[in-house]
């Protein structure tokens, strides 16, 4: 999957221009409940769904948990495949909601130089 995503991106843009990887309307069967039950509901005082985007910085437990989900692993594999080791990294993940559906999760993986 990561090779395909890299090839598709490179067919339209230079690889060096990739700064973010967005995953919209997350419905993956393991990622969605993990976000709801272990990320949002475990945060004291954080409503569900949160009104504002939530930023999870590396190496927080929440960041590591999201990166360990199936979707997080795909994005991490894309970055590793596209650039190799010790070139780029994912320093933060932003979770946010759009629309009125509380289950409409979106993820933004920030990509930057090491």
PDB file of N, CA and C in Angstrom:
ATOM      1  N   UNK A   1       0.813  -1.194   0.000  1.00  0.00           N
ATOM      2  CA  UNK A   1       0.000   0.000   0.000  1.00  0.00           C
ATOM      3  C   UNK A   1       0.857   1.260   0.000  1.00  0.00           C
ATOM      4  N   UNK A   2       1.915   1.278   0.806  1.00  0.00           N
ATOM      5  CA  UNK A   2       2.735   2.483   0.890  1.00  0.00           C
ATOM      6  C   UNK A   2       3.465   2.761  -0.420  1.00  0.00           C
ATOM      7  N   UNK A   3       3.884   1.708  -1.127  1.00  0.00           N
ATOM      8  CA  UNK A   3       4.530   1.892  -2.434  1.00  0.00           C
ATOM      9  C   UNK A   3       3.550   2.497  -3.431  1.00  0.00           C
ATOM     10  N   UNK A   4       2.305   2.019  -3.398  1.00  0.00           N
ATOM     11  CA  UNK A   4       1.276   2.545  -4.289  1.00  0.00           C
ATOM     12  C   UNK A   4       1.000   4.016  -3.983  1.00  0.00           C
ATOM     13  N   UNK A   5       0.858   4.341  -2.703  1.00  0.00           N
ATOM     14  CA  UNK A   5       0.588   5.725  -2.308  1.00  0.00           C
ATOM     15  C   UNK A   5       1.738   6.638  -2.714  1.00  0.00           C
ATOM     16  N   UNK A   6       2.952   6.182  -2.542  1.00  0.00           N
ATOM     17  CA  UNK A   6       4.123   6.969  -2.935  1.00  0.00           C
ATOM     18  C   UNK A   6       4.123   7.199  -4.438  1.00  0.00           C
ATOM     19  N   UNK A   7       3.901   6.148  -5.216  1.00  0.00           N
ATOM     20  CA  UNK A   7       3.895   6.264  -6.675  1.00  0.00           C
ATOM     21  C   UNK A   7       2.788   7.208  -7.146  1.00  0.00           C
ATOM     22  N   UNK A   8       1.617   7.092  -6.544  1.00  0.00           N
ATOM     23  CA  UNK A   8       0.505   7.963  -6.919  1.00  0.00           C
ATOM     24  C   UNK A   8       0.846   9.420  -6.626  1.00  0.00           C
ATOM     25  N   UNK A   9       1.375   9.693  -5.443  1.00  0.00           N
ATOM     26  CA  UNK A   9       1.717  11.065  -5.074  1.00  0.00           C
ATOM     27  C   UNK A   9       2.766  11.623  -6.032  1.00  0.00           C
ATOM     28  N   UNK A  10       3.798  10.825  -6.314  1.00  0.00           N
ATOM     29  CA  UNK A  10       4.878  11.290  -7.189  1.00  0.00           C
ATOM     30  C   UNK A  10       4.416  11.519  -8.621  1.00  0.00           C
ATOM     31  N   UNK A  11       3.326  10.883  -9.025  1.00  0.00           N
ATOM     32  CA  UNK A  11       2.824  11.108 -10.383  1.00  0.00           C
ATOM     33  C   UNK A  11       2.189  12.495 -10.525  1.00  0.00           C
ATOM     34  N   UNK A  12       1.909  13.155  -9.410  1.00  0.00           N
ATOM     35  CA  UNK A  12       1.274  14.472  -9.444  1.00  0.00           C
ATOM     36  C   UNK A  12       2.119  15.587  -8.831  1.00  0.00           C
ATOM     37  N   UNK A  13       2.968  15.242  -7.870  1.00  0.00           N
ATOM     38  CA  UNK A  13       3.725  16.254  -7.134  1.00  0.00           C
ATOM     39  C   UNK A  13       5.123  15.736  -6.829  1.00  0.00           C
ATOM     40  N   UNK A  14       6.083  16.647  -6.605  1.00  0.00           N
ATOM     41  CA  UNK A  14       7.398  16.190  -6.144  1.00  0.00           C
ATOM     42  C   UNK A  14       7.296  15.659  -4.711  1.00  0.00           C
ATOM     43  N   UNK A  15       7.964  14.566  -4.438  1.00  0.00           N
ATOM     44  CA  UNK A  15       7.897  13.924  -3.128  1.00  0.00           C
ATOM     45  C   UNK A  15       8.304  14.875  -2.000  1.00  0.00           C
ATOM     46  N   UNK A  16       9.228  15.785  -2.273  1.00  0.00           N
ATOM     47  CA  UNK A  16       9.698  16.719  -1.252  1.00  0.00           C
ATOM     48  C   UNK A  16       8.603  17.665  -0.774  1.00  0.00           C
ATOM     49  N   UNK A  17       7.523  17.798  -1.538  1.00  0.00           N
ATOM     50  CA  UNK A  17       6.449  18.720  -1.156  1.00  0.00           C
ATOM     51  C   UNK A  17       5.471  18.121  -0.145  1.00  0.00           C
ATOM     52  N   UNK A  18       5.595  16.835   0.156  1.00  0.00           N
ATOM     53  CA  UNK A  18       4.663  16.178   1.079  1.00  0.00           C
ATOM     54  C   UNK A  18       4.931  16.637   2.516  1.00  0.00           C
ATOM     55  N   UNK A  19       3.975  17.353   3.090  1.00  0.00           N
ATOM     56  CA  UNK A  19       4.102  17.876   4.459  1.00  0.00           C
ATOM     57  C   UNK A  19       3.079  17.268   5.409  1.00  0.00           C
ATOM     58  N   UNK A  20       1.972  16.773   4.867  1.00  0.00           N
ATOM     59  CA  UNK A  20       0.890  16.215   5.676  1.00  0.00           C
ATOM     60  C   UNK A  20       0.306  15.003   4.973  1.00  0.00           C
ATOM     61  N   UNK A  21      -0.162  14.063   5.771  1.00  0.00           N
ATOM     62  CA  UNK A  21      -0.958  12.949   5.252  1.00  0.00           C
ATOM     63  C   UNK A  21      -2.294  13.016   5.982  1.00  0.00           C
ATOM     64  N   UNK A  22      -3.361  13.191   5.226  1.00  0.00           N
ATOM     65  CA  UNK A  22      -4.707  13.267   5.798  1.00  0.00           C
ATOM     66  C   UNK A  22      -5.433  11.953   5.591  1.00  0.00           C
ATOM     67  N   UNK A  23      -6.148  11.531   6.609  1.00  0.00           N
ATOM     68  CA  UNK A  23      -7.052  10.387   6.505  1.00  0.00           C
ATOM     69  C   UNK A  23      -8.406  10.921   6.953  1.00  0.00           C
ATOM     70  N   UNK A  24      -9.369  10.914   6.036  1.00  0.00           N
ATOM     71  CA  UNK A  24     -10.674  11.490   6.344  1.00  0.00           C
ATOM     72  C   UNK A  24     -11.728  10.407   6.503  1.00  0.00           C
ATOM     73  N   UNK A  25     -12.717  10.712   7.296  1.00  0.00           N
ATOM     74  CA  UNK A  25     -13.842   9.820   7.573  1.00  0.00           C
ATOM     75  C   UNK A  25     -13.336   8.424   7.933  1.00  0.00           C
ATOM     76  N   UNK A  26     -12.610   8.349   9.028  1.00  0.00           N
ATOM     77  CA  UNK A  26     -12.023   7.089   9.484  1.00  0.00           C
ATOM     78  C   UNK A  26     -13.133   6.121   9.882  1.00  0.00           C
ATOM     79  N   UNK A  27     -13.157   4.963   9.227  1.00  0.00           N
ATOM     80  CA  UNK A  27     -14.134   3.925   9.566  1.00  0.00           C
ATOM     81  C   UNK A  27     -13.448   2.582   9.821  1.00  0.00           C
ATOM     82  N   UNK A  28     -12.140   2.559   9.789  1.00  0.00           N
ATOM     83  CA  UNK A  28     -11.399   1.314   9.991  1.00  0.00           C
ATOM     84  C   UNK A  28     -11.798   0.724  11.340  1.00  0.00           C
ATOM     85  N   UNK A  29     -12.096  -0.574  11.360  1.00  0.00           N
ATOM     86  CA  UNK A  29     -12.736  -1.216  12.521  1.00  0.00           C
ATOM     87  C   UNK A  29     -11.924  -1.214  13.807  1.00  0.00           C
ATOM     88  N   UNK A  30     -10.617  -1.050  13.736  1.00  0.00           N
ATOM     89  CA  UNK A  30      -9.811  -0.997  14.959  1.00  0.00           C
ATOM     90  C   UNK A  30      -9.436   0.436  15.330  1.00  0.00           C
ATOM     91  N   UNK A  31      -9.234   1.274  14.331  1.00  0.00           N
ATOM     92  CA  UNK A  31      -8.813   2.646  14.595  1.00  0.00           C
ATOM     93  C   UNK A  31      -9.935   3.477  15.200  1.00  0.00           C
ATOM     94  N   UNK A  32     -11.131   3.385  14.645  1.00  0.00           N
ATOM     95  CA  UNK A  32     -12.242   4.214  15.113  1.00  0.00           C
ATOM     96  C   UNK A  32     -12.562   3.982  16.591  1.00  0.00           C
ATOM     97  N   UNK A  33     -12.762   2.728  17.041  1.00  0.00           N
ATOM     98  CA  UNK A  33     -13.047   2.544  18.470  1.00  0.00           C
ATOM     99  C   UNK A  33     -11.862   2.909  19.362  1.00  0.00           C
ATOM    100  N   UNK A  34     -10.639   2.720  18.864  1.00  0.00           N
ATOM    101  CA  UNK A  34      -9.469   3.099  19.653  1.00  0.00           C
ATOM    102  C   UNK A  34      -9.472   4.605  19.912  1.00  0.00           C
ATOM    103  N   UNK A  35      -9.727   5.384  18.868  1.00  0.00           N
ATOM    104  CA  UNK A  35      -9.777   6.834  19.043  1.00  0.00           C
ATOM    105  C   UNK A  35     -10.852   7.226  20.050  1.00  0.00           C
ATOM    106  N   UNK A  36     -12.015   6.660  19.916  1.00  0.00           N
ATOM    107  CA  UNK A  36     -13.138   7.012  20.790  1.00  0.00           C
ATOM    108  C   UNK A  36     -12.882   6.578  22.234  1.00  0.00           C
ATOM    109  N   UNK A  37     -12.532   5.309  22.428  1.00  0.00           N
ATOM    110  CA  UNK A  37     -12.465   4.733  23.774  1.00  0.00           C
ATOM    111  C   UNK A  37     -11.160   5.001  24.510  1.00  0.00           C
ATOM    112  N   UNK A  38     -10.050   5.012  23.794  1.00  0.00           N
ATOM    113  CA  UNK A  38      -8.751   5.116  24.465  1.00  0.00           C
ATOM    114  C   UNK A  38      -8.104   6.489  24.343  1.00  0.00           C
ATOM    115  N   UNK A  39      -8.498   7.247  23.357  1.00  0.00           N
ATOM    116  CA  UNK A  39      -7.899   8.572  23.206  1.00  0.00           C
ATOM    117  C   UNK A  39      -8.833   9.637  23.779  1.00  0.00           C
ATOM    118  N   UNK A  40     -10.036   9.740  23.247  1.00  0.00           N
ATOM    119  CA  UNK A  40     -10.942  10.802  23.691  1.00  0.00           C
ATOM    120  C   UNK A  40     -11.522  10.556  25.072  1.00  0.00           C
ATOM    121  N   UNK A  41     -12.118   9.418  25.284  1.00  0.00           N
ATOM    122  CA  UNK A  41     -12.811   9.187  26.551  1.00  0.00           C
ATOM    123  C   UNK A  41     -11.860   9.020  27.730  1.00  0.00           C
ATOM    124  N   UNK A  42     -10.576   8.785  27.462  1.00  0.00           N
ATOM    125  CA  UNK A  42      -9.608   8.667  28.556  1.00  0.00           C
ATOM    126  C   UNK A  42      -9.088  10.031  29.009  1.00  0.00           C
ATOM    127  N   UNK A  43      -9.377  11.076  28.262  1.00  0.00           N
ATOM    128  CA  UNK A  43      -8.896  12.415  28.592  1.00  0.00           C
ATOM    129  C   UNK A  43      -9.916  13.127  29.473  1.00  0.00           C
ATOM    130  N   UNK A  44      -9.531  13.409  30.690  1.00  0.00           N
ATOM    131  CA  UNK A  44     -10.439  14.077  31.625  1.00  0.00           C
ATOM    132  C   UNK A  44     -10.789  15.472  31.119  1.00  0.00           C
ATOM    133  N   UNK A  45     -12.072  15.764  31.094  1.00  0.00           N
ATOM    134  CA  UNK A  45     -12.530  17.081  30.672  1.00  0.00           C
ATOM    135  C   UNK A  45     -12.658  17.263  29.172  1.00  0.00           C
ATOM    136  N   UNK A  46     -12.288  16.261  28.395  1.00  0.00           N
ATOM    137  CA  UNK A  46     -12.381  16.370  26.941  1.00  0.00           C
ATOM    138  C   UNK A  46     -13.727  15.816  26.501  1.00  0.00           C
ATOM    139  N   UNK A  47     -14.565  16.662  25.962  1.00  0.00           N
ATOM    140  CA  UNK A  47     -15.879  16.223  25.504  1.00  0.00           C
ATOM    141  C   UNK A  47     -15.769  15.318  24.290  1.00  0.00           C
ATOM    142  N   UNK A  48     -16.869  14.653  23.986  1.00  0.00           N
ATOM    143  CA  UNK A  48     -16.867  13.766  22.825  1.00  0.00           C
ATOM    144  C   UNK A  48     -18.048  14.099  21.940  1.00  0.00           C
ATOM    145  N   UNK A  49     -17.809  14.396  20.686  1.00  0.00           N
ATOM    146  CA  UNK A  49     -16.486  14.647  20.121  1.00  0.00           C
ATOM    147  C   UNK A  49     -15.983  16.024  20.555  1.00  0.00           C
ATOM    148  N   UNK A  50     -14.676  16.203  20.625  1.00  0.00           N
ATOM    149  CA  UNK A  50     -14.142  17.501  21.032  1.00  0.00           C
ATOM    150  C   UNK A  50     -14.552  18.582  20.029  1.00  0.00           C
ATOM    151  N   UNK A  51     -14.767  19.781  20.524  1.00  0.00           N
ATOM    152  CA  UNK A  51     -15.153  20.885  19.644  1.00  0.00           C
ATOM    153  C   UNK A  51     -13.973  21.385  18.818  1.00  0.00           C
ATOM    154  N   UNK A  52     -12.796  21.277  19.360  1.00  0.00           N
ATOM    155  CA  UNK A  52     -11.590  21.776  18.701  1.00  0.00           C
ATOM    156  C   UNK A  52     -10.694  20.614  18.270  1.00  0.00           C
ATOM    157  N   UNK A  53      -9.867  20.827  17.245  1.00  0.00           N
ATOM    158  CA  UNK A  53      -8.885  19.794  16.881  1.00  0.00           C
ATOM    159  C   UNK A  53      -7.967  19.498  18.069  1.00  0.00           C
ATOM    160  N   UNK A  54      -7.572  18.251  18.197  1.00  0.00           N
ATOM    161  CA  UNK A  54      -6.679  17.821  19.275  1.00  0.00           C
ATOM    162  C   UNK A  54      -5.330  17.452  18.667  1.00  0.00           C
ATOM    163  N   UNK A  55      -4.262  17.970  19.251  1.00  0.00           N
ATOM    164  CA  UNK A  55      -2.916  17.701  18.753  1.00  0.00           C
ATOM    165  C   UNK A  55      -2.213  16.760  19.709  1.00  0.00           C
ATOM    166  N   UNK A  56      -1.648  15.697  19.159  1.00  0.00           N
ATOM    167  CA  UNK A  56      -0.948  14.676  19.943  1.00  0.00           C
ATOM    168  C   UNK A  56       0.507  14.676  19.490  1.00  0.00           C
ATOM    169  N   UNK A  57       1.389  15.096  20.384  1.00  0.00           N
ATOM    170  CA  UNK A  57       2.817  15.223  20.065  1.00  0.00           C
ATOM    171  C   UNK A  57       3.560  13.935  20.386  1.00  0.00           C
ATOM    172  N   UNK A  58       4.574  13.640  19.582  1.00  0.00           N
ATOM    173  CA  UNK A  58       5.471  12.524  19.865  1.00  0.00           C
ATOM    174  C   UNK A  58       6.328  12.914  21.059  1.00  0.00           C
ATOM    175  N   UNK A  59       6.597  12.058  21.982  1.00  0.00           N
ATOM    176  CA  UNK A  59       6.281  10.637  22.122  1.00  0.00           C
ATOM    177  C   UNK A  59       5.168  10.366  23.133  1.00  0.00           C
ATOM    178  N   UNK A  60       4.133  11.200  23.185  1.00  0.00           N
ATOM    179  CA  UNK A  60       3.060  10.992  24.168  1.00  0.00           C
ATOM    180  C   UNK A  60       2.405   9.626  23.973  1.00  0.00           C
ATOM    181  N   UNK A  61       1.825   9.064  25.024  1.00  0.00           N
ATOM    182  CA  UNK A  61       1.151   7.766  24.887  1.00  0.00           C
ATOM    183  C   UNK A  61       0.026   7.799  23.847  1.00  0.00           C
ATOM    184  N   UNK A  62      -0.681   8.933  23.758  1.00  0.00           N
ATOM    185  CA  UNK A  62      -1.760   9.050  22.775  1.00  0.00           C
ATOM    186  C   UNK A  62      -1.207   9.021  21.352  1.00  0.00           C
ATOM    187  N   UNK A  63      -0.120   9.754  21.125  1.00  0.00           N
ATOM    188  CA  UNK A  63       0.532   9.759  19.815  1.00  0.00           C
ATOM    189  C   UNK A  63       0.962   8.345  19.437  1.00  0.00           C
ATOM    190  N   UNK A  64       1.650   7.682  20.355  1.00  0.00           N
ATOM    191  CA  UNK A  64       2.129   6.316  20.081  1.00  0.00           C
ATOM    192  C   UNK A  64       0.968   5.362  19.830  1.00  0.00           C
ATOM    193  N   UNK A  65      -0.118   5.537  20.577  1.00  0.00           N
ATOM    194  CA  UNK A  65      -1.284   4.689  20.379  1.00  0.00           C
ATOM    195  C   UNK A  65      -1.897   4.875  19.005  1.00  0.00           C
ATOM    196  N   UNK A  66      -2.061   6.129  18.582  1.00  0.00           N
ATOM    197  CA  UNK A  66      -2.639   6.392  17.259  1.00  0.00           C
ATOM    198  C   UNK A  66      -1.712   5.878  16.167  1.00  0.00           C
ATOM    199  N   UNK A  67      -0.406   6.083  16.330  1.00  0.00           N
ATOM    200  CA  UNK A  67       0.542   5.599  15.321  1.00  0.00           C
ATOM    201  C   UNK A  67       0.553   4.076  15.259  1.00  0.00           C
ATOM    202  N   UNK A  68       0.167   3.413  16.344  1.00  0.00           N
ATOM    203  CA  UNK A  68       0.120   1.954  16.373  1.00  0.00           C
ATOM    204  C   UNK A  68      -1.160   1.354  15.825  1.00  0.00           C
ATOM    205  N   UNK A  69      -2.134   2.195  15.455  1.00  0.00           N
ATOM    206  CA  UNK A  69      -3.361   1.675  14.847  1.00  0.00           C
ATOM    207  C   UNK A  69      -3.071   1.261  13.407  1.00  0.00           C
ATOM    208  N   UNK A  70      -3.947   0.479  12.790  1.00  0.00           N
ATOM    209  CA  UNK A  70      -3.717   0.104  11.388  1.00  0.00           C
ATOM    210  C   UNK A  70      -3.515   1.310  10.465  1.00  0.00           C
ATOM    211  N   UNK A  71      -4.282   2.364  10.650  1.00  0.00           N
ATOM    212  CA  UNK A  71      -4.108   3.547   9.798  1.00  0.00           C
ATOM    213  C   UNK A  71      -2.778   4.225  10.093  1.00  0.00           C
ATOM    214  N   UNK A  72      -2.414   4.346  11.360  1.00  0.00           N
ATOM    215  CA  UNK A  72      -1.130   4.939  11.718  1.00  0.00           C
ATOM    216  C   UNK A  72       0.040   4.169  11.141  1.00  0.00           C
ATOM    217  N   UNK A  73      -0.063   2.852  11.150  1.00  0.00           N
ATOM    218  CA  UNK A  73       1.010   2.014  10.597  1.00  0.00           C
ATOM    219  C   UNK A  73       1.161   2.216   9.096  1.00  0.00           C
ATOM    220  N   UNK A  74       0.051   2.402   8.391  1.00  0.00           N
ATOM    221  CA  UNK A  74       0.116   2.633   6.941  1.00  0.00           C
ATOM    222  C   UNK A  74       0.810   3.958   6.648  1.00  0.00           C
ATOM    223  N   UNK A  75       0.465   5.003   7.391  1.00  0.00           N
ATOM    224  CA  UNK A  75       1.094   6.304   7.166  1.00  0.00           C
ATOM    225  C   UNK A  75       2.578   6.248   7.531  1.00  0.00           C
ATOM    226  N   UNK A  76       2.919   5.589   8.629  1.00  0.00           N
ATOM    227  CA  UNK A  76       4.330   5.443   9.010  1.00  0.00           C
ATOM    228  C   UNK A  76       5.099   4.671   7.943  1.00  0.00           C
ATOM    229  N   UNK A  77       4.491   3.628   7.389  1.00  0.00           N
ATOM    230  CA  UNK A  77       5.139   2.854   6.323  1.00  0.00           C
ATOM    231  C   UNK A  77       5.330   3.711   5.080  1.00  0.00           C
ATOM    232  N   UNK A  78       4.362   4.560   4.766  1.00  0.00           N
ATOM    233  CA  UNK A  78       4.489   5.465   3.620  1.00  0.00           C
ATOM    234  C   UNK A  78       5.692   6.380   3.798  1.00  0.00           C
ATOM    235  N   UNK A  79       5.828   6.985   4.976  1.00  0.00           N
ATOM    236  CA  UNK A  79       6.942   7.900   5.230  1.00  0.00           C
ATOM    237  C   UNK A  79       8.271   7.154   5.160  1.00  0.00           C
ATOM    238  N   UNK A  80       8.344   5.987   5.776  1.00  0.00           N
ATOM    239  CA  UNK A  80       9.579   5.205   5.751  1.00  0.00           C
ATOM    240  C   UNK A  80       9.917   4.752   4.336  1.00  0.00           C
ATOM    241  N   UNK A  81       8.924   4.281   3.600  1.00  0.00           N
ATOM    242  CA  UNK A  81       9.135   3.814   2.229  1.00  0.00           C
ATOM    243  C   UNK A  81       9.548   4.966   1.314  1.00  0.00           C
ATOM    244  N   UNK A  82       8.906   6.108   1.484  1.00  0.00           N
ATOM    245  CA  UNK A  82       9.146   7.237   0.594  1.00  0.00           C
ATOM    246  C   UNK A  82      10.516   7.866   0.796  1.00  0.00           C
ATOM    247  N   UNK A  83      10.975   7.929   2.037  1.00  0.00           N
ATOM    248  CA  UNK A  83      12.190   8.680   2.331  1.00  0.00           C
ATOM    249  C   UNK A  83      13.336   7.852   2.885  1.00  0.00           C
ATOM    250  N   UNK A  84      13.079   6.671   3.392  1.00  0.00           N
ATOM    251  CA  UNK A  84      14.113   5.892   4.052  1.00  0.00           C
ATOM    252  C   UNK A  84      14.248   6.309   5.510  1.00  0.00           C
ATOM    253  N   UNK A  85      15.166   5.661   6.204  1.00  0.00           N
ATOM    254  CA  UNK A  85      15.344   5.921   7.634  1.00  0.00           C
ATOM    255  C   UNK A  85      16.064   7.234   7.890  1.00  0.00           C
ATOM    256  N   UNK A  86      15.684   7.889   8.966  1.00  0.00           N
ATOM    257  CA  UNK A  86      16.351   9.090   9.482  1.00  0.00           C
ATOM    258  C   UNK A  86      16.353  10.266   8.511  1.00  0.00           C
ATOM    259  N   UNK A  87      15.333  10.363   7.668  1.00  0.00           N
ATOM    260  CA  UNK A  87      15.212  11.490   6.750  1.00  0.00           C
ATOM    261  C   UNK A  87      14.006  12.349   7.124  1.00  0.00           C
ATOM    262  N   UNK A  88      12.853  11.718   7.284  1.00  0.00           N
ATOM    263  CA  UNK A  88      11.614  12.396   7.668  1.00  0.00           C
ATOM    264  C   UNK A  88      11.030  11.696   8.881  1.00  0.00           C
ATOM    265  N   UNK A  89      10.167  12.404   9.588  1.00  0.00           N
ATOM    266  CA  UNK A  89       9.507  11.818  10.752  1.00  0.00           C
ATOM    267  C   UNK A  89       8.098  12.393  10.883  1.00  0.00           C
ATOM    268  N   UNK A  90       7.291  11.734  11.690  1.00  0.00           N
ATOM    269  CA  UNK A  90       5.950  12.208  12.022  1.00  0.00           C
ATOM    270  C   UNK A  90       6.030  12.732  13.458  1.00  0.00           C
ATOM    271  N   UNK A  91       6.091  14.056  13.649  1.00  0.00           N
ATOM    272  CA  UNK A  91       6.237  14.606  15.001  1.00  0.00           C
ATOM    273  C   UNK A  91       4.918  14.784  15.752  1.00  0.00           C
ATOM    274  N   UNK A  92       3.804  14.844  15.001  1.00  0.00           N
ATOM    275  CA  UNK A  92       2.510  15.062  15.656  1.00  0.00           C
ATOM    276  C   UNK A  92       1.388  14.535  14.785  1.00  0.00           C
ATOM    277  N   UNK A  93       0.295  14.223  15.471  1.00  0.00           N
ATOM    278  CA  UNK A  93      -0.931  13.786  14.812  1.00  0.00           C
ATOM    279  C   UNK A  93      -2.050  14.674  15.339  1.00  0.00           C
ATOM    280  N   UNK A  94      -2.867  15.185  14.444  1.00  0.00           N
ATOM    281  CA  UNK A  94      -4.005  16.018  14.821  1.00  0.00           C
ATOM    282  C   UNK A  94      -5.274  15.241  14.504  1.00  0.00           C
ATOM    283  N   UNK A  95      -6.175  15.155  15.477  1.00  0.00           N
ATOM    284  CA  UNK A  95      -7.473  14.515  15.263  1.00  0.00           C
ATOM    285  C   UNK A  95      -8.534  15.610  15.282  1.00  0.00           C
ATOM    286  N   UNK A  96      -9.494  15.493  14.381  1.00  0.00           N
ATOM    287  CA  UNK A  96     -10.552  16.498  14.321  1.00  0.00           C
ATOM    288  C   UNK A  96     -11.801  15.906  13.689  1.00  0.00           C
ATOM    289  N   UNK A  97     -12.904  16.615  13.890  1.00  0.00           N
ATOM    290  CA  UNK A  97     -14.209  16.172  13.401  1.00  0.00           C
ATOM    291  C   UNK A  97     -14.770  17.212  12.452  1.00  0.00           C
ATOM    292  N   UNK A  98     -15.500  16.732  11.455  1.00  0.00           N
ATOM    293  CA  UNK A  98     -16.204  17.624  10.544  1.00  0.00           C
ATOM    294  C   UNK A  98     -17.649  17.171  10.464  1.00  0.00           C
ATOM    295  N   UNK A  99     -18.523  18.096  10.239  1.00  0.00           N
ATOM    296  CA  UNK A  99     -19.931  17.740  10.127  1.00  0.00           C
ATOM    297  C   UNK A  99     -20.558  17.469  11.481  1.00  0.00           C
ATOM    298  N   UNK A 100     -21.783  16.999  11.452  1.00  0.00           N
ATOM    299  CA  UNK A 100     -22.526  16.774  12.689  1.00  0.00           C
ATOM    300  C   UNK A 100     -22.431  15.343  13.195  1.00  0.00           C
ATOM    301  N   UNK A 101     -21.829  14.451  12.427  1.00  0.00           N
ATOM    302  CA  UNK A 101     -21.711  13.052  12.835  1.00  0.00           C
ATOM    303  C   UNK A 101     -20.550  12.904  13.816  1.00  0.00           C
ATOM    304  N   UNK A 102     -20.805  12.521  15.079  1.00  0.00           N
ATOM    305  CA  UNK A 102     -19.718  12.408  16.059  1.00  0.00           C
ATOM    306  C   UNK A 102     -18.737  11.290  15.739  1.00  0.00           C
ATOM    307  N   UNK A 103     -19.097  10.400  14.834  1.00  0.00           N
ATOM    308  CA  UNK A 103     -18.195   9.303  14.475  1.00  0.00           C
ATOM    309  C   UNK A 103     -17.368   9.615  13.236  1.00  0.00           C
ATOM    310  N   UNK A 104     -17.426  10.833  12.760  1.00  0.00           N
ATOM    311  CA  UNK A 104     -16.679  11.204  11.565  1.00  0.00           C
ATOM    312  C   UNK A 104     -15.297  11.729  11.965  1.00  0.00           C
ATOM    313  N   UNK A 105     -14.390  10.797  12.237  1.00  0.00           N
ATOM    314  CA  UNK A 105     -13.034  11.133  12.657  1.00  0.00           C
ATOM    315  C   UNK A 105     -12.175  11.468  11.444  1.00  0.00           C
ATOM    316  N   UNK A 106     -11.265  12.399  11.625  1.00  0.00           N
ATOM    317  CA  UNK A 106     -10.279  12.736  10.610  1.00  0.00           C
ATOM    318  C   UNK A 106      -8.923  12.807  11.299  1.00  0.00           C
ATOM    319  N   UNK A 107      -7.885  12.433  10.583  1.00  0.00           N
ATOM    320  CA  UNK A 107      -6.530  12.449  11.126  1.00  0.00           C
ATOM    321  C   UNK A 107      -5.620  13.230  10.190  1.00  0.00           C
ATOM    322  N   UNK A 108      -4.718  14.005  10.774  1.00  0.00           N
ATOM    323  CA  UNK A 108      -3.674  14.666  10.001  1.00  0.00           C
ATOM    324  C   UNK A 108      -2.337  14.271  10.609  1.00  0.00           C
ATOM    325  N   UNK A 109      -1.500  13.653   9.810  1.00  0.00           N
ATOM    326  CA  UNK A 109      -0.160  13.265  10.229  1.00  0.00           C
ATOM    327  C   UNK A 109       0.798  14.302   9.658  1.00  0.00           C
ATOM    328  N   UNK A 110       1.501  15.031  10.519  1.00  0.00           N
ATOM    329  CA  UNK A 110       2.470  16.023  10.061  1.00  0.00           C
ATOM    330  C   UNK A 110       3.779  15.321   9.730  1.00  0.00           C
ATOM    331  N   UNK A 111       4.413  15.744   8.641  1.00  0.00           N
ATOM    332  CA  UNK A 111       5.661  15.129   8.184  1.00  0.00           C
ATOM    333  C   UNK A 111       6.713  16.225   8.095  1.00  0.00           C
ATOM    334  N   UNK A 112       7.858  16.004   8.723  1.00  0.00           N
ATOM    335  CA  UNK A 112       8.925  17.002   8.682  1.00  0.00           C
ATOM    336  C   UNK A 112      10.292  16.331   8.639  1.00  0.00           C
ATOM    337  N   UNK A 113      11.309  17.146   8.328  1.00  0.00           N
ATOM    338  CA  UNK A 113      12.683  16.643   8.300  1.00  0.00           C
ATOM    339  C   UNK A 113      13.124  16.233   9.694  1.00  0.00           C
ATOM    340  N   UNK A 114      14.024  15.253   9.740  1.00  0.00           N
ATOM    341  CA  UNK A 114      14.592  14.820  11.019  1.00  0.00           C
ATOM    342  C   UNK A 114      15.599  15.847  11.469  1.00  0.00           C
TER     343      UNK A 114
END
